[in-house]
Amino acid sequence: MIINVKAHTNSSEKKILIKDETFHVYIHIAAEKGKANKELIKLIAEYFKVPLSKVKIIKGLRSRSKKVEVL
């Protein structure tokens, strides 16, 4: 499954909201050196109850808007 994700960094809490078929992922970490992407993958894996290895960013590594594949 491929989902659209909008990353919201430096958030006060970690959560996922779904609006208009887009997953809005709120994370604490700032977007630097891939740390935010790792946290985003972790949160999505927890949401779908799959291992980290089953979640992959396929488009938008350096953007707030991403396409993420969940196997």
PDB file of N, CA and C in Angstrom:
ATOM      1  N   MET A   1       0.843  -1.160   0.000  1.00  0.00           N
ATOM      2  CA  MET A   1       0.000   0.000   0.000  1.00  0.00           C
ATOM      3  C   MET A   1       0.903   1.241   0.000  1.00  0.00           C
ATOM      4  N   ILE A   2       0.531   2.213  -0.801  1.00  0.00           N
ATOM      5  CA  ILE A   2       1.267   3.478  -0.842  1.00  0.00           C
ATOM      6  C   ILE A   2       0.367   4.568  -0.276  1.00  0.00           C
ATOM      7  N   ILE A   3       0.917   5.322   0.683  1.00  0.00           N
ATOM      8  CA  ILE A   3       0.142   6.386   1.325  1.00  0.00           C
ATOM      9  C   ILE A   3       0.840   7.731   1.123  1.00  0.00           C
ATOM     10  N   ASN A   4       0.046   8.791   1.111  1.00  0.00           N
ATOM     11  CA  ASN A   4       0.575  10.151   1.080  1.00  0.00           C
ATOM     12  C   ASN A   4       0.771  10.613   2.513  1.00  0.00           C
ATOM     13  N   VAL A   5       1.926  11.205   2.777  1.00  0.00           N
ATOM     14  CA  VAL A   5       2.263  11.630   4.128  1.00  0.00           C
ATOM     15  C   VAL A   5       2.716  13.084   4.110  1.00  0.00           C
ATOM     16  N   LYS A   6       2.245  13.844   5.080  1.00  0.00           N
ATOM     17  CA  LYS A   6       2.715  15.213   5.292  1.00  0.00           C
ATOM     18  C   LYS A   6       3.400  15.226   6.653  1.00  0.00           C
ATOM     19  N   ALA A   7       4.689  15.540   6.671  1.00  0.00           N
ATOM     20  CA  ALA A   7       5.468  15.526   7.904  1.00  0.00           C
ATOM     21  C   ALA A   7       5.398  16.883   8.591  1.00  0.00           C
ATOM     22  N   HIS A   8       5.144  16.866   9.876  1.00  0.00           N
ATOM     23  CA  HIS A   8       5.123  18.072  10.699  1.00  0.00           C
ATOM     24  C   HIS A   8       6.182  17.887  11.791  1.00  0.00           C
ATOM     25  N   THR A   9       7.333  18.520  11.610  1.00  0.00           N
ATOM     26  CA  THR A   9       8.431  18.361  12.565  1.00  0.00           C
ATOM     27  C   THR A   9       8.327  19.387  13.687  1.00  0.00           C
ATOM     28  N   ASN A  10       9.126  19.185  14.729  1.00  0.00           N
ATOM     29  CA  ASN A  10       9.157  20.061  15.909  1.00  0.00           C
ATOM     30  C   ASN A  10       7.788  20.209  16.562  1.00  0.00           C
ATOM     31  N   SER A  11       7.007  19.160  16.539  1.00  0.00           N
ATOM     32  CA  SER A  11       5.679  19.168  17.141  1.00  0.00           C
ATOM     33  C   SER A  11       5.787  18.925  18.648  1.00  0.00           C
ATOM     34  N   SER A  12       4.809  19.369  19.383  1.00  0.00           N
ATOM     35  CA  SER A  12       4.824  19.171  20.829  1.00  0.00           C
ATOM     36  C   SER A  12       4.434  17.740  21.219  1.00  0.00           C
ATOM     37  N   GLU A  13       3.783  17.012  20.306  1.00  0.00           N
ATOM     38  CA  GLU A  13       3.429  15.627  20.594  1.00  0.00           C
ATOM     39  C   GLU A  13       3.536  14.780  19.329  1.00  0.00           C
ATOM     40  N   LYS A  14       3.712  13.460  19.531  1.00  0.00           N
ATOM     41  CA  LYS A  14       3.786  12.530  18.409  1.00  0.00           C
ATOM     42  C   LYS A  14       2.391  11.978  18.156  1.00  0.00           C
ATOM     43  N   LYS A  15       1.909  12.129  16.909  1.00  0.00           N
ATOM     44  CA  LYS A  15       0.594  11.602  16.565  1.00  0.00           C
ATOM     45  C   LYS A  15       0.447  11.524  15.055  1.00  0.00           C
ATOM     46  N   ILE A  16      -0.577  10.789  14.639  1.00  0.00           N
ATOM     47  CA  ILE A  16      -0.918  10.684  13.221  1.00  0.00           C
ATOM     48  C   ILE A  16      -2.395  11.034  13.073  1.00  0.00           C
ATOM     49  N   LEU A  17      -2.683  11.967  12.183  1.00  0.00           N
ATOM     50  CA  LEU A  17      -4.051  12.335  11.846  1.00  0.00           C
ATOM     51  C   LEU A  17      -4.252  12.087  10.358  1.00  0.00           C
ATOM     52  N   ILE A  18      -5.455  11.681   9.975  1.00  0.00           N
ATOM     53  CA  ILE A  18      -5.743  11.449   8.562  1.00  0.00           C
ATOM     54  C   ILE A  18      -6.755  12.495   8.109  1.00  0.00           C
ATOM     55  N   LYS A  19      -6.348  13.281   7.098  1.00  0.00           N
ATOM     56  CA  LYS A  19      -7.216  14.308   6.515  1.00  0.00           C
ATOM     57  C   LYS A  19      -7.127  14.204   5.006  1.00  0.00           C
ATOM     58  N   ASP A  20      -8.262  14.097   4.340  1.00  0.00           N
ATOM     59  CA  ASP A  20      -8.310  14.072   2.875  1.00  0.00           C
ATOM     60  C   ASP A  20      -7.345  13.049   2.282  1.00  0.00           C
ATOM     61  N   GLU A  21      -7.361  11.837   2.790  1.00  0.00           N
ATOM     62  CA  GLU A  21      -6.529  10.728   2.314  1.00  0.00           C
ATOM     63  C   GLU A  21      -5.026  10.967   2.477  1.00  0.00           C
ATOM     64  N   THR A  22      -4.649  11.913   3.314  1.00  0.00           N
ATOM     65  CA  THR A  22      -3.239  12.181   3.607  1.00  0.00           C
ATOM     66  C   THR A  22      -3.007  11.948   5.092  1.00  0.00           C
ATOM     67  N   PHE A  23      -1.935  11.225   5.399  1.00  0.00           N
ATOM     68  CA  PHE A  23      -1.553  10.989   6.783  1.00  0.00           C
ATOM     69  C   PHE A  23      -0.683  12.160   7.235  1.00  0.00           C
ATOM     70  N   HIS A  24      -1.138  12.904   8.212  1.00  0.00           N
ATOM     71  CA  HIS A  24      -0.366  14.009   8.789  1.00  0.00           C
ATOM     72  C   HIS A  24       0.352  13.443  10.005  1.00  0.00           C
ATOM     73  N   VAL A  25       1.680  13.357   9.907  1.00  0.00           N
ATOM     74  CA  VAL A  25       2.484  12.743  10.960  1.00  0.00           C
ATOM     75  C   VAL A  25       3.222  13.846  11.719  1.00  0.00           C
ATOM     76  N   TYR A  26       2.925  13.958  13.003  1.00  0.00           N
ATOM     77  CA  TYR A  26       3.532  14.968  13.874  1.00  0.00           C
ATOM     78  C   TYR A  26       4.616  14.296  14.707  1.00  0.00           C
ATOM     79  N   ILE A  27       5.844  14.836  14.623  1.00  0.00           N
ATOM     80  CA  ILE A  27       6.972  14.271  15.358  1.00  0.00           C
ATOM     81  C   ILE A  27       7.745  15.368  16.082  1.00  0.00           C
ATOM     82  N   HIS A  28       8.444  14.991  17.159  1.00  0.00           N
ATOM     83  CA  HIS A  28       9.211  15.934  17.977  1.00  0.00           C
ATOM     84  C   HIS A  28      10.479  16.426  17.307  1.00  0.00           C
ATOM     85  N   ILE A  29      11.096  15.592  16.520  1.00  0.00           N
ATOM     86  CA  ILE A  29      12.453  15.817  16.024  1.00  0.00           C
ATOM     87  C   ILE A  29      12.480  16.821  14.871  1.00  0.00           C
ATOM     88  N   ALA A  30      13.540  17.610  14.822  1.00  0.00           N
ATOM     89  CA  ALA A  30      13.742  18.550  13.717  1.00  0.00           C
ATOM     90  C   ALA A  30      14.218  17.787  12.483  1.00  0.00           C
ATOM     91  N   ALA A  31      13.963  18.372  11.324  1.00  0.00           N
ATOM     92  CA  ALA A  31      14.344  17.735  10.058  1.00  0.00           C
ATOM     93  C   ALA A  31      15.811  18.007   9.745  1.00  0.00           C
ATOM     94  N   GLU A  32      16.688  17.162  10.277  1.00  0.00           N
ATOM     95  CA  GLU A  32      18.117  17.303   9.993  1.00  0.00           C
ATOM     96  C   GLU A  32      18.773  15.931   9.977  1.00  0.00           C
ATOM     97  N   LYS A  33      19.596  15.693   8.979  1.00  0.00           N
ATOM     98  CA  LYS A  33      20.389  14.467   8.837  1.00  0.00           C
ATOM     99  C   LYS A  33      19.547  13.191   8.856  1.00  0.00           C
ATOM    100  N   GLY A  34      18.323  13.247   8.352  1.00  0.00           N
ATOM    101  CA  GLY A  34      17.483  12.056   8.254  1.00  0.00           C
ATOM    102  C   GLY A  34      16.838  11.587   9.539  1.00  0.00           C
ATOM    103  N   LYS A  35      17.058  12.306  10.634  1.00  0.00           N
ATOM    104  CA  LYS A  35      16.498  11.884  11.925  1.00  0.00           C
ATOM    105  C   LYS A  35      14.975  11.920  11.912  1.00  0.00           C
ATOM    106  N   ALA A  36      14.401  12.936  11.291  1.00  0.00           N
ATOM    107  CA  ALA A  36      12.944  13.056  11.235  1.00  0.00           C
ATOM    108  C   ALA A  36      12.346  11.932  10.398  1.00  0.00           C
ATOM    109  N   ASN A  37      13.003  11.560   9.304  1.00  0.00           N
ATOM    110  CA  ASN A  37      12.511  10.460   8.469  1.00  0.00           C
ATOM    111  C   ASN A  37      12.513   9.151   9.238  1.00  0.00           C
ATOM    112  N   LYS A  38      13.540   8.910  10.026  1.00  0.00           N
ATOM    113  CA  LYS A  38      13.596   7.685  10.827  1.00  0.00           C
ATOM    114  C   LYS A  38      12.459   7.646  11.842  1.00  0.00           C
ATOM    115  N   GLU A  39      12.198   8.764  12.474  1.00  0.00           N
ATOM    116  CA  GLU A  39      11.113   8.842  13.455  1.00  0.00           C
ATOM    117  C   GLU A  39       9.757   8.686  12.769  1.00  0.00           C
ATOM    118  N   LEU A  40       9.611   9.272  11.595  1.00  0.00           N
ATOM    119  CA  LEU A  40       8.375   9.159  10.826  1.00  0.00           C
ATOM    120  C   LEU A  40       8.109   7.697  10.459  1.00  0.00           C
ATOM    121  N   ILE A  41       9.127   6.991   9.999  1.00  0.00           N
ATOM    122  CA  ILE A  41       8.992   5.578   9.656  1.00  0.00           C
ATOM    123  C   ILE A  41       8.605   4.765  10.889  1.00  0.00           C
ATOM    124  N   LYS A  42       9.215   5.070  12.005  1.00  0.00           N
ATOM    125  CA  LYS A  42       8.907   4.358  13.259  1.00  0.00           C
ATOM    126  C   LYS A  42       7.445   4.548  13.656  1.00  0.00           C
ATOM    127  N   LEU A  43       6.953   5.778  13.563  1.00  0.00           N
ATOM    128  CA  LEU A  43       5.579   6.074  13.946  1.00  0.00           C
ATOM    129  C   LEU A  43       4.581   5.405  12.999  1.00  0.00           C
ATOM    130  N   ILE A  44       4.875   5.411  11.704  1.00  0.00           N
ATOM    131  CA  ILE A  44       3.982   4.766  10.735  1.00  0.00           C
ATOM    132  C   ILE A  44       3.974   3.249  10.949  1.00  0.00           C
ATOM    133  N   ALA A  45       5.126   2.664  11.229  1.00  0.00           N
ATOM    134  CA  ALA A  45       5.199   1.224  11.493  1.00  0.00           C
ATOM    135  C   ALA A  45       4.366   0.862  12.727  1.00  0.00           C
ATOM    136  N   GLU A  46       4.441   1.674  13.761  1.00  0.00           N
ATOM    137  CA  GLU A  46       3.631   1.430  14.962  1.00  0.00           C
ATOM    138  C   GLU A  46       2.139   1.549  14.633  1.00  0.00           C
ATOM    139  N   TYR A  47       1.772   2.537  13.836  1.00  0.00           N
ATOM    140  CA  TYR A  47       0.371   2.768  13.475  1.00  0.00           C
ATOM    141  C   TYR A  47      -0.212   1.559  12.735  1.00  0.00           C
ATOM    142  N   PHE A  48       0.555   1.029  11.759  1.00  0.00           N
ATOM    143  CA  PHE A  48       0.076  -0.098  10.972  1.00  0.00           C
ATOM    144  C   PHE A  48       0.442  -1.453  11.580  1.00  0.00           C
ATOM    145  N   LYS A  49       1.155  -1.440  12.713  1.00  0.00           N
ATOM    146  CA  LYS A  49       1.560  -2.658  13.416  1.00  0.00           C
ATOM    147  C   LYS A  49       2.358  -3.597  12.507  1.00  0.00           C
ATOM    148  N   VAL A  50       3.381  -3.002  11.866  1.00  0.00           N
ATOM    149  CA  VAL A  50       4.289  -3.765  11.009  1.00  0.00           C
ATOM    150  C   VAL A  50       5.722  -3.478  11.447  1.00  0.00           C
ATOM    151  N   PRO A  51       6.681  -4.343  11.090  1.00  0.00           N
ATOM    152  CA  PRO A  51       8.089  -4.069  11.418  1.00  0.00           C
ATOM    153  C   PRO A  51       8.603  -2.850  10.648  1.00  0.00           C
ATOM    154  N   LEU A  52       9.635  -2.221  11.173  1.00  0.00           N
ATOM    155  CA  LEU A  52      10.240  -1.060  10.516  1.00  0.00           C
ATOM    156  C   LEU A  52      10.668  -1.372   9.093  1.00  0.00           C
ATOM    157  N   SER A  53      11.109  -2.600   8.848  1.00  0.00           N
ATOM    158  CA  SER A  53      11.596  -2.981   7.524  1.00  0.00           C
ATOM    159  C   SER A  53      10.488  -2.996   6.470  1.00  0.00           C
ATOM    160  N   LYS A  54       9.241  -2.940   6.889  1.00  0.00           N
ATOM    161  CA  LYS A  54       8.112  -2.963   5.958  1.00  0.00           C
ATOM    162  C   LYS A  54       7.634  -1.560   5.574  1.00  0.00           C
ATOM    163  N   VAL A  55       8.298  -0.529   6.067  1.00  0.00           N
ATOM    164  CA  VAL A  55       7.924   0.861   5.765  1.00  0.00           C
ATOM    165  C   VAL A  55       9.091   1.530   5.054  1.00  0.00           C
ATOM    166  N   LYS A  56       8.796   2.143   3.901  1.00  0.00           N
ATOM    167  CA  LYS A  56       9.854   2.751   3.098  1.00  0.00           C
ATOM    168  C   LYS A  56       9.359   4.043   2.462  1.00  0.00           C
ATOM    169  N   ILE A  57      10.163   5.096   2.554  1.00  0.00           N
ATOM    170  CA  ILE A  57       9.841   6.352   1.877  1.00  0.00           C
ATOM    171  C   ILE A  57      10.285   6.203   0.427  1.00  0.00           C
ATOM    172  N   ILE A  58       9.332   6.291  -0.502  1.00  0.00           N
ATOM    173  CA  ILE A  58       9.678   6.089  -1.904  1.00  0.00           C
ATOM    174  C   ILE A  58       9.782   7.407  -2.680  1.00  0.00           C
ATOM    175  N   LYS A  59       9.271   8.488  -2.098  1.00  0.00           N
ATOM    176  CA  LYS A  59       9.383   9.795  -2.750  1.00  0.00           C
ATOM    177  C   LYS A  59       9.310  10.883  -1.683  1.00  0.00           C
ATOM    178  N   GLY A  60      10.179  11.883  -1.796  1.00  0.00           N
ATOM    179  CA  GLY A  60      10.121  13.026  -0.897  1.00  0.00           C
ATOM    180  C   GLY A  60      11.010  12.933   0.324  1.00  0.00           C
ATOM    181  N   LEU A  61      12.181  12.322   0.196  1.00  0.00           N
ATOM    182  CA  LEU A  61      13.082  12.205   1.343  1.00  0.00           C
ATOM    183  C   LEU A  61      13.431  13.554   1.957  1.00  0.00           C
ATOM    184  N   ARG A  62      13.532  14.604   1.142  1.00  0.00           N
ATOM    185  CA  ARG A  62      13.922  15.924   1.638  1.00  0.00           C
ATOM    186  C   ARG A  62      12.760  16.911   1.606  1.00  0.00           C
ATOM    187  N   SER A  63      11.549  16.399   1.568  1.00  0.00           N
ATOM    188  CA  SER A  63      10.356  17.239   1.477  1.00  0.00           C
ATOM    189  C   SER A  63       9.408  16.911   2.623  1.00  0.00           C
ATOM    190  N   ARG A  64       8.525  17.829   2.942  1.00  0.00           N
ATOM    191  CA  ARG A  64       7.497  17.546   3.954  1.00  0.00           C
ATOM    192  C   ARG A  64       6.419  16.621   3.406  1.00  0.00           C
ATOM    193  N   SER A  65       6.167  16.692   2.098  1.00  0.00           N
ATOM    194  CA  SER A  65       5.195  15.810   1.456  1.00  0.00           C
ATOM    195  C   SER A  65       5.916  14.580   0.929  1.00  0.00           C
ATOM    196  N   LYS A  66       5.439  13.413   1.314  1.00  0.00           N
ATOM    197  CA  LYS A  66       6.138  12.176   0.984  1.00  0.00           C
ATOM    198  C   LYS A  66       5.153  11.136   0.486  1.00  0.00           C
ATOM    199  N   LYS A  67       5.668  10.159  -0.221  1.00  0.00           N
ATOM    200  CA  LYS A  67       4.937   8.952  -0.559  1.00  0.00           C
ATOM    201  C   LYS A  67       5.643   7.816   0.177  1.00  0.00           C
ATOM    202  N   VAL A  68       4.887   7.076   0.949  1.00  0.00           N
ATOM    203  CA  VAL A  68       5.454   6.021   1.782  1.00  0.00           C
ATOM    204  C   VAL A  68       4.786   4.698   1.424  1.00  0.00           C
ATOM    205  N   GLU A  69       5.616   3.675   1.265  1.00  0.00           N
ATOM    206  CA  GLU A  69       5.111   2.338   0.981  1.00  0.00           C
ATOM    207  C   GLU A  69       5.101   1.531   2.273  1.00  0.00           C
ATOM    208  N   VAL A  70       3.947   0.915   2.541  1.00  0.00           N
ATOM    209  CA  VAL A  70       3.793   0.038   3.704  1.00  0.00           C
ATOM    210  C   VAL A  70       3.471  -1.346   3.177  1.00  0.00           C
ATOM    211  N   LEU A  71       4.340  -2.302   3.458  1.00  0.00           N
ATOM    212  CA  LEU A  71       4.136  -3.682   2.968  1.00  0.00           C
ATOM    213  C   LEU A  71       3.416  -4.522   3.985  1.00  0.00           C
TER     214      LEU A  71
END
